[in-house]
Amino acid sequence: MNAPQHKSPPLFAWLLLVCGALCTVFGLLLMTGVGADWHPLLATDGAGIVMLVSGIALAGSGAFPLVFARLAADDDTQ
């Protein structure tokens, strides 16, 4: 039988998680009014909410491959 091989975690999934965290932090900063001097669109009420929701969606998209990789690794060990 073949021995189970350790696979590295999906790099793209971690990249999505990092981008999601950055978007979430930036969205929270926009909601406090930080970007009002940078661009008029960043001063609107919905800009922070859009970035916050986008960050949560990116983090969720990055979590799926990590969960699947962990489940596959648990399957290989049993």
PDB file of N, CA and C in Angstrom:
ATOM      1  N   MET A   1       0.831  -1.184   0.000  1.00  0.00           N
ATOM      2  CA  MET A   1       0.000   0.000   0.000  1.00  0.00           C
ATOM      3  C   MET A   1       0.869   1.239   0.000  1.00  0.00           C
ATOM      4  N   ASN A   2       0.342   2.258  -0.549  1.00  0.00           N
ATOM      5  CA  ASN A   2       1.055   3.531  -0.560  1.00  0.00           C
ATOM      6  C   ASN A   2       0.888   4.240   0.772  1.00  0.00           C
ATOM      7  N   ALA A   3       1.969   4.800   1.260  1.00  0.00           N
ATOM      8  CA  ALA A   3       1.911   5.571   2.506  1.00  0.00           C
ATOM      9  C   ALA A   3       1.300   6.937   2.215  1.00  0.00           C
ATOM     10  N   PRO A   4       0.494   7.460   3.145  1.00  0.00           N
ATOM     11  CA  PRO A   4      -0.087   8.778   2.906  1.00  0.00           C
ATOM     12  C   PRO A   4       0.993   9.851   2.868  1.00  0.00           C
ATOM     13  N   GLN A   5       0.885  10.725   1.896  1.00  0.00           N
ATOM     14  CA  GLN A   5       1.855  11.805   1.742  1.00  0.00           C
ATOM     15  C   GLN A   5       1.291  13.076   2.361  1.00  0.00           C
ATOM     16  N   HIS A   6       2.174  13.824   3.007  1.00  0.00           N
ATOM     17  CA  HIS A   6       1.747  15.096   3.572  1.00  0.00           C
ATOM     18  C   HIS A   6       1.734  16.138   2.464  1.00  0.00           C
ATOM     19  N   LYS A   7       0.602  16.712   2.287  1.00  0.00           N
ATOM     20  CA  LYS A   7       0.481  17.772   1.285  1.00  0.00           C
ATOM     21  C   LYS A   7       0.533  19.111   1.995  1.00  0.00           C
ATOM     22  N   SER A   8       1.105  20.080   1.324  1.00  0.00           N
ATOM     23  CA  SER A   8       1.136  21.417   1.916  1.00  0.00           C
ATOM     24  C   SER A   8      -0.252  22.036   1.812  1.00  0.00           C
ATOM     25  N   PRO A   9      -0.595  22.915   2.746  1.00  0.00           N
ATOM     26  CA  PRO A   9      -1.917  23.541   2.667  1.00  0.00           C
ATOM     27  C   PRO A   9      -2.011  24.408   1.405  1.00  0.00           C
ATOM     28  N   PRO A  10      -3.192  24.543   0.868  1.00  0.00           N
ATOM     29  CA  PRO A  10      -3.369  25.319  -0.363  1.00  0.00           C
ATOM     30  C   PRO A  10      -2.932  26.768  -0.161  1.00  0.00           C
ATOM     31  N   LEU A  11      -1.942  27.172  -0.927  1.00  0.00           N
ATOM     32  CA  LEU A  11      -1.388  28.522  -0.803  1.00  0.00           C
ATOM     33  C   LEU A  11      -2.421  29.580  -1.198  1.00  0.00           C
ATOM     34  N   PHE A  12      -3.202  29.291  -2.222  1.00  0.00           N
ATOM     35  CA  PHE A  12      -4.208  30.253  -2.679  1.00  0.00           C
ATOM     36  C   PHE A  12      -5.274  30.485  -1.613  1.00  0.00           C
ATOM     37  N   ALA A  13      -5.587  29.470  -0.845  1.00  0.00           N
ATOM     38  CA  ALA A  13      -6.567  29.621   0.231  1.00  0.00           C
ATOM     39  C   ALA A  13      -6.041  30.573   1.297  1.00  0.00           C
ATOM     40  N   TRP A  14      -4.768  30.428   1.644  1.00  0.00           N
ATOM     41  CA  TRP A  14      -4.181  31.353   2.627  1.00  0.00           C
ATOM     42  C   TRP A  14      -4.135  32.768   2.076  1.00  0.00           C
ATOM     43  N   LEU A  15      -3.878  32.911   0.781  1.00  0.00           N
ATOM     44  CA  LEU A  15      -3.869  34.237   0.170  1.00  0.00           C
ATOM     45  C   LEU A  15      -5.256  34.875   0.242  1.00  0.00           C
ATOM     46  N   LEU A  16      -6.294  34.083   0.013  1.00  0.00           N
ATOM     47  CA  LEU A  16      -7.659  34.595   0.135  1.00  0.00           C
ATOM     48  C   LEU A  16      -7.979  34.999   1.572  1.00  0.00           C
ATOM     49  N   LEU A  17      -7.510  34.236   2.534  1.00  0.00           N
ATOM     50  CA  LEU A  17      -7.739  34.585   3.932  1.00  0.00           C
ATOM     51  C   LEU A  17      -7.037  35.886   4.300  1.00  0.00           C
ATOM     52  N   VAL A  18      -5.810  36.071   3.821  1.00  0.00           N
ATOM     53  CA  VAL A  18      -5.083  37.310   4.110  1.00  0.00           C
ATOM     54  C   VAL A  18      -5.770  38.505   3.442  1.00  0.00           C
ATOM     55  N   CYS A  19      -6.183  38.334   2.193  1.00  0.00           N
ATOM     56  CA  CYS A  19      -6.902  39.413   1.502  1.00  0.00           C
ATOM     57  C   CYS A  19      -8.226  39.723   2.204  1.00  0.00           C
ATOM     58  N   GLY A  20      -8.906  38.694   2.680  1.00  0.00           N
ATOM     59  CA  GLY A  20     -10.146  38.902   3.409  1.00  0.00           C
ATOM     60  C   GLY A  20      -9.927  39.667   4.700  1.00  0.00           C
ATOM     61  N   ALA A  21      -8.847  39.348   5.407  1.00  0.00           N
ATOM     62  CA  ALA A  21      -8.546  40.076   6.643  1.00  0.00           C
ATOM     63  C   ALA A  21      -8.212  41.529   6.350  1.00  0.00           C
ATOM     64  N   LEU A  22      -7.449  41.764   5.290  1.00  0.00           N
ATOM     65  CA  LEU A  22      -7.110  43.146   4.929  1.00  0.00           C
ATOM     66  C   LEU A  22      -8.346  43.945   4.524  1.00  0.00           C
ATOM     67  N   CYS A  23      -9.228  43.326   3.736  1.00  0.00           N
ATOM     68  CA  CYS A  23     -10.464  44.008   3.333  1.00  0.00           C
ATOM     69  C   CYS A  23     -11.351  44.293   4.541  1.00  0.00           C
ATOM     70  N   THR A  24     -11.400  43.377   5.486  1.00  0.00           N
ATOM     71  CA  THR A  24     -12.219  43.574   6.679  1.00  0.00           C
ATOM     72  C   THR A  24     -11.682  44.725   7.513  1.00  0.00           C
ATOM     73  N   VAL A  25     -10.368  44.764   7.703  1.00  0.00           N
ATOM     74  CA  VAL A  25      -9.764  45.857   8.472  1.00  0.00           C
ATOM     75  C   VAL A  25      -9.967  47.184   7.749  1.00  0.00           C
ATOM     76  N   PHE A  26      -9.762  47.196   6.432  1.00  0.00           N
ATOM     77  CA  PHE A  26      -9.954  48.416   5.664  1.00  0.00           C
ATOM     78  C   PHE A  26     -11.414  48.870   5.697  1.00  0.00           C
ATOM     79  N   GLY A  27     -12.339  47.922   5.654  1.00  0.00           N
ATOM     80  CA  GLY A  27     -13.755  48.269   5.750  1.00  0.00           C
ATOM     81  C   GLY A  27     -14.097  48.873   7.089  1.00  0.00           C
ATOM     82  N   LEU A  28     -13.528  48.323   8.164  1.00  0.00           N
ATOM     83  CA  LEU A  28     -13.770  48.908   9.480  1.00  0.00           C
ATOM     84  C   LEU A  28     -13.179  50.310   9.579  1.00  0.00           C
ATOM     85  N   LEU A  29     -12.008  50.499   8.981  1.00  0.00           N
ATOM     86  CA  LEU A  29     -11.417  51.844   8.980  1.00  0.00           C
ATOM     87  C   LEU A  29     -12.256  52.825   8.168  1.00  0.00           C
ATOM     88  N   LEU A  30     -12.783  52.369   7.053  1.00  0.00           N
ATOM     89  CA  LEU A  30     -13.641  53.247   6.240  1.00  0.00           C
ATOM     90  C   LEU A  30     -14.914  53.622   6.989  1.00  0.00           C
ATOM     91  N   MET A  31     -15.416  52.700   7.786  1.00  0.00           N
ATOM     92  CA  MET A  31     -16.633  52.998   8.541  1.00  0.00           C
ATOM     93  C   MET A  31     -16.383  54.047   9.624  1.00  0.00           C
ATOM     94  N   THR A  32     -15.125  54.188  10.053  1.00  0.00           N
ATOM     95  CA  THR A  32     -14.809  55.220  11.028  1.00  0.00           C
ATOM     96  C   THR A  32     -14.492  56.553  10.371  1.00  0.00           C
ATOM     97  N   GLY A  33     -14.415  56.586   9.037  1.00  0.00           N
ATOM     98  CA  GLY A  33     -14.207  57.840   8.321  1.00  0.00           C
ATOM     99  C   GLY A  33     -12.777  58.110   7.914  1.00  0.00           C
ATOM    100  N   VAL A  34     -11.915  57.091   7.935  1.00  0.00           N
ATOM    101  CA  VAL A  34     -10.502  57.292   7.614  1.00  0.00           C
ATOM    102  C   VAL A  34     -10.296  57.681   6.150  1.00  0.00           C
ATOM    103  N   GLY A  35     -11.023  57.108   5.221  1.00  0.00           N
ATOM    104  CA  GLY A  35     -10.784  57.333   3.800  1.00  0.00           C
ATOM    105  C   GLY A  35     -11.474  58.539   3.218  1.00  0.00           C
ATOM    106  N   ALA A  36     -12.071  59.378   4.029  1.00  0.00           N
ATOM    107  CA  ALA A  36     -12.834  60.516   3.507  1.00  0.00           C
ATOM    108  C   ALA A  36     -11.945  61.513   2.770  1.00  0.00           C
ATOM    109  N   ASP A  37     -10.697  61.619   3.159  1.00  0.00           N
ATOM    110  CA  ASP A  37      -9.784  62.564   2.500  1.00  0.00           C
ATOM    111  C   ASP A  37      -9.122  61.979   1.265  1.00  0.00           C
ATOM    112  N   TRP A  38      -9.192  60.666   1.101  1.00  0.00           N
ATOM    113  CA  TRP A  38      -8.508  60.028  -0.008  1.00  0.00           C
ATOM    114  C   TRP A  38      -9.281  60.128  -1.311  1.00  0.00           C
ATOM    115  N   HIS A  39     -10.572  59.835  -1.265  1.00  0.00           N
ATOM    116  CA  HIS A  39     -11.390  59.829  -2.480  1.00  0.00           C
ATOM    117  C   HIS A  39     -12.842  60.047  -2.071  1.00  0.00           C
ATOM    118  N   PRO A  40     -13.618  60.755  -2.899  1.00  0.00           N
ATOM    119  CA  PRO A  40     -15.016  60.998  -2.535  1.00  0.00           C
ATOM    120  C   PRO A  40     -15.858  59.733  -2.401  1.00  0.00           C
ATOM    121  N   LEU A  41     -15.560  58.715  -3.174  1.00  0.00           N
ATOM    122  CA  LEU A  41     -16.332  57.476  -3.063  1.00  0.00           C
ATOM    123  C   LEU A  41     -16.077  56.759  -1.743  1.00  0.00           C
ATOM    124  N   LEU A  42     -14.889  56.927  -1.194  1.00  0.00           N
ATOM    125  CA  LEU A  42     -14.586  56.301   0.088  1.00  0.00           C
ATOM    126  C   LEU A  42     -15.246  57.023   1.248  1.00  0.00           C
ATOM    127  N   ALA A  43     -15.743  58.226   1.005  1.00  0.00           N
ATOM    128  CA  ALA A  43     -16.412  58.996   2.057  1.00  0.00           C
ATOM    129  C   ALA A  43     -17.900  58.654   2.159  1.00  0.00           C
ATOM    130  N   THR A  44     -18.423  57.876   1.228  1.00  0.00           N
ATOM    131  CA  THR A  44     -19.849  57.541   1.273  1.00  0.00           C
ATOM    132  C   THR A  44     -20.122  56.542   2.394  1.00  0.00           C
ATOM    133  N   ASP A  45     -21.373  56.451   2.773  1.00  0.00           N
ATOM    134  CA  ASP A  45     -21.754  55.584   3.891  1.00  0.00           C
ATOM    135  C   ASP A  45     -21.557  54.102   3.590  1.00  0.00           C
ATOM    136  N   GLY A  46     -21.802  53.687   2.364  1.00  0.00           N
ATOM    137  CA  GLY A  46     -21.767  52.268   2.041  1.00  0.00           C
ATOM    138  C   GLY A  46     -20.400  51.715   1.712  1.00  0.00           C
ATOM    139  N   ALA A  47     -19.384  52.549   1.585  1.00  0.00           N
ATOM    140  CA  ALA A  47     -18.060  52.061   1.176  1.00  0.00           C
ATOM    141  C   ALA A  47     -17.472  51.117   2.228  1.00  0.00           C
ATOM    142  N   GLY A  48     -17.615  51.466   3.476  1.00  0.00           N
ATOM    143  CA  GLY A  48     -17.083  50.606   4.533  1.00  0.00           C
ATOM    144  C   GLY A  48     -17.819  49.292   4.631  1.00  0.00           C
ATOM    145  N   ILE A  49     -19.128  49.344   4.450  1.00  0.00           N
ATOM    146  CA  ILE A  49     -19.927  48.121   4.527  1.00  0.00           C
ATOM    147  C   ILE A  49     -19.591  47.196   3.359  1.00  0.00           C
ATOM    148  N   VAL A  50     -19.386  47.765   2.181  1.00  0.00           N
ATOM    149  CA  VAL A  50     -19.038  46.958   1.013  1.00  0.00           C
ATOM    150  C   VAL A  50     -17.702  46.263   1.227  1.00  0.00           C
ATOM    151  N   MET A  51     -16.724  46.981   1.748  1.00  0.00           N
ATOM    152  CA  MET A  51     -15.418  46.369   1.997  1.00  0.00           C
ATOM    153  C   MET A  51     -15.495  45.318   3.110  1.00  0.00           C
ATOM    154  N   LEU A  52     -16.304  45.570   4.105  1.00  0.00           N
ATOM    155  CA  LEU A  52     -16.466  44.613   5.199  1.00  0.00           C
ATOM    156  C   LEU A  52     -17.099  43.311   4.704  1.00  0.00           C
ATOM    157  N   VAL A  53     -18.152  43.432   3.917  1.00  0.00           N
ATOM    158  CA  VAL A  53     -18.821  42.243   3.371  1.00  0.00           C
ATOM    159  C   VAL A  53     -17.895  41.515   2.394  1.00  0.00           C
ATOM    160  N   SER A  54     -17.136  42.256   1.605  1.00  0.00           N
ATOM    161  CA  SER A  54     -16.192  41.629   0.679  1.00  0.00           C
ATOM    162  C   SER A  54     -15.105  40.877   1.431  1.00  0.00           C
ATOM    163  N   GLY A  55     -14.633  41.443   2.537  1.00  0.00           N
ATOM    164  CA  GLY A  55     -13.623  40.772   3.337  1.00  0.00           C
ATOM    165  C   GLY A  55     -14.135  39.481   3.946  1.00  0.00           C
ATOM    166  N   ILE A  56     -15.368  39.507   4.421  1.00  0.00           N
ATOM    167  CA  ILE A  56     -15.962  38.300   4.990  1.00  0.00           C
ATOM    168  C   ILE A  56     -16.148  37.236   3.903  1.00  0.00           C
ATOM    169  N   ALA A  57     -16.560  37.660   2.711  1.00  0.00           N
ATOM    170  CA  ALA A  57     -16.738  36.706   1.604  1.00  0.00           C
ATOM    171  C   ALA A  57     -15.398  36.106   1.176  1.00  0.00           C
ATOM    172  N   LEU A  58     -14.344  36.925   1.121  1.00  0.00           N
ATOM    173  CA  LEU A  58     -13.027  36.403   0.758  1.00  0.00           C
ATOM    174  C   LEU A  58     -12.516  35.412   1.806  1.00  0.00           C
ATOM    175  N   ALA A  59     -12.713  35.734   3.068  1.00  0.00           N
ATOM    176  CA  ALA A  59     -12.278  34.824   4.135  1.00  0.00           C
ATOM    177  C   ALA A  59     -13.053  33.511   4.085  1.00  0.00           C
ATOM    178  N   GLY A  60     -14.337  33.589   3.805  1.00  0.00           N
ATOM    179  CA  GLY A  60     -15.130  32.366   3.672  1.00  0.00           C
ATOM    180  C   GLY A  60     -14.703  31.536   2.483  1.00  0.00           C
ATOM    181  N   SER A  61     -14.360  32.197   1.387  1.00  0.00           N
ATOM    182  CA  SER A  61     -13.899  31.470   0.200  1.00  0.00           C
ATOM    183  C   SER A  61     -12.546  30.822   0.440  1.00  0.00           C
ATOM    184  N   GLY A  62     -11.719  31.445   1.253  1.00  0.00           N
ATOM    185  CA  GLY A  62     -10.429  30.855   1.572  1.00  0.00           C
ATOM    186  C   GLY A  62     -10.526  29.726   2.574  1.00  0.00           C
ATOM    187  N   ALA A  63     -11.566  29.736   3.395  1.00  0.00           N
ATOM    188  CA  ALA A  63     -11.708  28.706   4.428  1.00  0.00           C
ATOM    189  C   ALA A  63     -12.144  27.359   3.835  1.00  0.00           C
ATOM    190  N   PHE A  64     -12.909  27.374   2.763  1.00  0.00           N
ATOM    191  CA  PHE A  64     -13.399  26.122   2.179  1.00  0.00           C
ATOM    192  C   PHE A  64     -12.267  25.185   1.760  1.00  0.00           C
ATOM    193  N   PRO A  65     -11.278  25.621   0.990  1.00  0.00           N
ATOM    194  CA  PRO A  65     -10.205  24.669   0.619  1.00  0.00           C
ATOM    195  C   PRO A  65      -9.404  24.172   1.821  1.00  0.00           C
ATOM    196  N   LEU A  66      -9.243  25.018   2.843  1.00  0.00           N
ATOM    197  CA  LEU A  66      -8.509  24.586   4.031  1.00  0.00           C
ATOM    198  C   LEU A  66      -9.277  23.508   4.790  1.00  0.00           C
ATOM    199  N   VAL A  67     -10.589  23.674   4.886  1.00  0.00           N
ATOM    200  CA  VAL A  67     -11.408  22.661   5.558  1.00  0.00           C
ATOM    201  C   VAL A  67     -11.388  21.357   4.764  1.00  0.00           C
ATOM    202  N   PHE A  68     -11.487  21.449   3.456  1.00  0.00           N
ATOM    203  CA  PHE A  68     -11.451  20.244   2.629  1.00  0.00           C
ATOM    204  C   PHE A  68     -10.093  19.552   2.722  1.00  0.00           C
ATOM    205  N   ALA A  69      -9.009  20.318   2.770  1.00  0.00           N
ATOM    206  CA  ALA A  69      -7.676  19.723   2.898  1.00  0.00           C
ATOM    207  C   ALA A  69      -7.532  19.024   4.240  1.00  0.00           C
ATOM    208  N   ARG A  70      -8.073  19.617   5.296  1.00  0.00           N
ATOM    209  CA  ARG A  70      -7.994  18.980   6.617  1.00  0.00           C
ATOM    210  C   ARG A  70      -8.835  17.699   6.645  1.00  0.00           C
ATOM    211  N   LEU A  71     -10.022  17.734   6.042  1.00  0.00           N
ATOM    212  CA  LEU A  71     -10.853  16.537   5.996  1.00  0.00           C
ATOM    213  C   LEU A  71     -10.184  15.425   5.188  1.00  0.00           C
ATOM    214  N   ALA A  72      -9.538  15.801   4.088  1.00  0.00           N
ATOM    215  CA  ALA A  72      -8.842  14.807   3.288  1.00  0.00           C
ATOM    216  C   ALA A  72      -7.655  14.227   4.045  1.00  0.00           C
ATOM    217  N   ALA A  73      -6.967  15.059   4.812  1.00  0.00           N
ATOM    218  CA  ALA A  73      -5.826  14.559   5.597  1.00  0.00           C
ATOM    219  C   ALA A  73      -6.327  13.636   6.705  1.00  0.00           C
ATOM    220  N   ASP A  74      -7.459  13.948   7.308  1.00  0.00           N
ATOM    221  CA  ASP A  74      -8.024  13.065   8.333  1.00  0.00           C
ATOM    222  C   ASP A  74      -8.474  11.740   7.722  1.00  0.00           C
ATOM    223  N   ASP A  75      -8.980  11.787   6.502  1.00  0.00           N
ATOM    224  CA  ASP A  75      -9.389  10.558   5.821  1.00  0.00           C
ATOM    225  C   ASP A  75      -8.183   9.668   5.530  1.00  0.00           C
ATOM    226  N   ASP A  76      -7.051  10.282   5.164  1.00  0.00           N
ATOM    227  CA  ASP A  76      -5.862   9.507   4.833  1.00  0.00           C
ATOM    228  C   ASP A  76      -5.265   8.828   6.057  1.00  0.00           C
ATOM    229  N   THR A  77      -5.414   9.430   7.231  1.00  0.00           N
ATOM    230  CA  THR A  77      -4.810   8.850   8.418  1.00  0.00           C
ATOM    231  C   THR A  77      -5.628   7.702   8.984  1.00  0.00           C
ATOM    232  N   GLN A  78      -6.895   7.596   8.642  1.00  0.00           N
ATOM    233  CA  GLN A  78      -7.740   6.530   9.188  1.00  0.00           C
ATOM    234  C   GLN A  78      -7.683   5.283   8.354  1.00  0.00           C
TER     235      GLN A  78
END
